[in-house]
Amino acid sequence: MGYNHFIEEKHFKEEWSKLEKQYEEAGMSKEIIHEIYQYDRAVFNSERRFFQHTEIVEIELTYYIEETNSKCHLYKRNIERFSSTIDSVVQKDRMAWIDEIEDENIARALKEMKYEDLDILTMLVFEGYKSKEIAEEKGISPQAISKKISKLKNFLKNF
């Protein structure tokens, strides 16, 4: 069965409700609990992205291999290259996606943007945060985040 974001989100929230109660009973401060939640949320979003971007390829290769009763020659030749690419992407820092943009004008414009704006763009597009979650993470009102996102969209439309 494929990845179902709604079900996984529901499980995450249920688990976090239990954990939050346990942390409060253990005497942890709200700030520490919130930091742990933010970390766990980032891990959840990262796993979601991973499953959404890798599952289809994995299923198709597995199906093809099972159908032919042997490993595809393309699979044999490229599996090491695919694995090392995935590992290298995982190890890069959060803003490494900018270096992978082929259009030099867009890449240059993004590199000249404020870090805060790039951080919001990264959280929204690559880390899977919703605007409300970004607002909580940054300690800014949701309206301010929405306004920044609109400005970022308009900026990107120019390319």
Protein backbone atom coordinates (compact mmCIF):
# COMPACT_ATOMS: atom_id res chain seq x y z
CA MET A 1 0.00 0.00 0.00
CA GLY A 2 1.28 3.48 -0.82
CA TYR A 3 1.98 6.33 1.52
CA ASN A 4 -1.21 8.04 2.72
CA HIS A 5 -0.44 11.48 4.15
CA PHE A 6 -3.84 11.84 5.85
CA ILE A 7 -3.47 8.57 7.76
CA GLU A 8 0.17 9.22 8.65
CA GLU A 9 -0.68 12.75 9.82
CA LYS A 10 -3.46 11.32 11.99
CA HIS A 11 -1.06 8.77 13.53
CA PHE A 12 1.52 11.47 14.13
CA LYS A 13 -0.99 13.72 15.91
CA GLU A 14 -2.34 10.84 18.02
CA GLU A 15 1.15 9.79 19.04
CA TRP A 16 2.11 13.36 19.82
CA SER A 17 -0.94 13.85 22.03
CA LYS A 18 0.20 10.89 24.12
CA LEU A 19 3.81 12.07 24.21
CA GLU A 20 2.82 15.62 25.15
CA LYS A 21 0.85 14.33 28.14
CA GLN A 22 3.78 12.16 29.21
CA TYR A 23 6.20 15.08 28.89
CA GLU A 24 3.91 17.36 30.91
CA GLU A 25 3.53 14.70 33.60
CA ALA A 26 7.31 14.37 33.70
CA GLY A 27 7.53 18.11 34.44
CA MET A 28 8.98 19.33 31.15
CA SER A 29 8.41 22.98 30.27
CA LYS A 30 6.11 23.96 27.40
CA GLU A 31 9.08 25.48 25.53
CA ILE A 32 11.07 22.22 25.63
CA ILE A 33 8.00 20.21 24.60
CA HIS A 34 7.45 22.62 21.69
CA GLU A 35 11.08 22.24 20.57
CA ILE A 36 10.76 18.45 20.66
CA TYR A 37 7.52 18.73 18.67
CA GLN A 38 9.20 20.94 16.05
CA TYR A 39 12.03 18.45 15.69
CA ASP A 40 9.64 15.49 15.40
CA ARG A 41 7.52 17.43 12.91
CA ALA A 42 10.58 18.13 10.76
CA VAL A 43 11.46 14.42 10.82
CA PHE A 44 7.86 13.53 9.92
CA ASN A 45 7.91 15.98 6.98
CA SER A 46 11.26 14.67 5.84
CA GLU A 47 10.01 11.08 5.90
CA ARG A 48 6.86 12.13 4.06
CA ARG A 49 8.93 13.72 1.30
CA PHE A 50 11.14 10.67 1.11
CA PHE A 51 8.21 8.26 0.75
CA GLN A 52 6.35 10.45 -1.71
CA HIS A 53 9.40 10.82 -3.96
CA THR A 54 10.82 7.31 -3.79
CA GLU A 55 7.99 4.86 -3.39
CA ILE A 56 6.70 4.91 -6.98
CA VAL A 57 10.15 4.26 -8.47
CA GLU A 58 10.79 1.46 -6.01
CA ILE A 59 7.46 -0.24 -6.80
CA GLU A 60 7.96 0.04 -10.55
CA LEU A 61 11.49 -1.42 -10.38
CA THR A 62 10.35 -4.21 -8.06
CA TYR A 63 7.43 -5.06 -10.37
CA TYR A 64 9.68 -5.08 -13.42
CA ILE A 65 12.26 -7.25 -11.73
CA GLU A 66 9.62 -9.73 -10.51
CA GLU A 67 8.03 -9.89 -13.95
CA THR A 68 11.29 -10.69 -15.73
CA ASN A 69 12.55 -13.03 -13.00
CA SER A 70 15.94 -11.34 -13.20
CA LYS A 71 17.34 -7.94 -12.49
CA CYS A 72 17.05 -5.44 -15.27
CA HIS A 73 20.42 -4.56 -16.83
CA LEU A 74 19.68 -0.85 -16.30
CA TYR A 75 18.96 -1.54 -12.65
CA LYS A 76 22.22 -3.46 -12.23
CA ARG A 77 24.23 -0.76 -13.99
CA ASN A 78 22.67 2.21 -12.16
CA ILE A 79 21.74 1.05 -8.67
CA GLU A 80 25.02 2.21 -7.14
CA ARG A 81 24.74 5.59 -8.85
CA PHE A 82 21.15 6.04 -7.64
CA SER A 83 22.08 5.11 -4.09
CA SER A 84 25.05 7.45 -3.92
CA THR A 85 22.95 10.30 -5.34
CA ILE A 86 20.28 9.81 -2.70
CA ASP A 87 22.90 9.65 0.05
CA SER A 88 24.63 12.80 -1.16
CA VAL A 89 21.35 14.73 -1.32
CA VAL A 90 20.44 13.66 2.21
CA GLN A 91 23.81 14.79 3.54
CA LYS A 92 23.72 18.28 2.01
CA ASP A 93 22.48 21.20 4.02
CA ARG A 94 18.97 22.62 3.73
CA MET A 95 19.80 25.24 1.13
CA ALA A 96 21.73 22.93 -1.21
CA TRP A 97 18.77 22.80 -3.58
CA ILE A 98 19.73 26.25 -4.82
CA ASP A 99 23.01 24.93 -6.21
CA GLU A 100 21.10 22.32 -8.21
CA ILE A 101 19.04 24.87 -10.17
CA GLU A 102 20.10 24.86 -13.79
CA ASP A 103 18.84 28.33 -14.69
CA GLU A 104 21.68 30.65 -13.67
CA ASN A 105 19.44 33.71 -13.38
CA ILE A 106 17.08 32.05 -10.92
CA ALA A 107 19.95 30.54 -8.93
CA ARG A 108 21.73 33.90 -8.70
CA ALA A 109 18.52 35.69 -7.68
CA LEU A 110 17.82 33.11 -4.97
CA LYS A 111 21.37 33.36 -3.64
CA GLU A 112 20.93 37.13 -3.31
CA MET A 113 17.68 36.78 -1.33
CA LYS A 114 17.57 37.25 2.43
CA TYR A 115 18.23 34.08 4.39
CA GLU A 116 14.88 34.45 6.16
CA ASP A 117 13.01 34.38 2.84
CA LEU A 118 15.01 31.39 1.59
CA ASP A 119 14.34 29.60 4.86
CA ILE A 120 10.59 30.12 4.48
CA LEU A 121 10.72 28.97 0.85
CA THR A 122 12.70 25.88 1.84
CA MET A 123 10.32 25.03 4.66
CA LEU A 124 7.29 25.45 2.40
CA VAL A 125 8.46 23.73 -0.75
CA PHE A 126 11.08 21.20 0.29
CA GLU A 127 10.34 20.38 3.91
CA GLY A 128 6.58 20.19 3.54
CA TYR A 129 5.58 22.69 6.20
CA LYS A 130 2.22 24.40 5.96
CA SER A 131 2.13 28.19 6.30
CA LYS A 132 0.59 27.88 9.78
CA GLU A 133 3.44 25.62 10.90
CA ILE A 134 6.02 28.03 9.48
CA ALA A 135 4.38 30.85 11.44
CA GLU A 136 4.61 28.81 14.65
CA GLU A 137 8.21 27.84 13.95
CA LYS A 138 9.27 31.41 13.20
CA GLY A 139 7.14 33.05 15.89
CA ILE A 140 5.44 35.27 13.32
CA SER A 141 1.73 35.73 12.68
CA PRO A 142 0.19 33.51 9.98
CA GLN A 143 -0.83 36.65 8.08
CA ALA A 144 2.78 37.83 7.93
CA ILE A 145 3.89 34.43 6.62
CA SER A 146 1.12 34.45 4.01
CA LYS A 147 2.24 37.89 2.89
CA LYS A 148 5.88 36.73 2.63
CA ILE A 149 4.81 33.66 0.66
CA SER A 150 2.82 35.85 -1.75
CA LYS A 151 5.87 38.07 -2.25
CA LEU A 152 8.03 35.00 -2.88
CA LYS A 153 5.55 33.65 -5.44
CA ASN A 154 5.45 37.00 -7.24
CA PHE A 155 9.25 37.14 -7.19
CA LEU A 156 9.48 33.65 -8.72
CA LYS A 157 6.86 34.44 -11.39
CA ASN A 158 9.31 36.92 -12.91
CA PHE A 159 11.41 34.03 -14.14
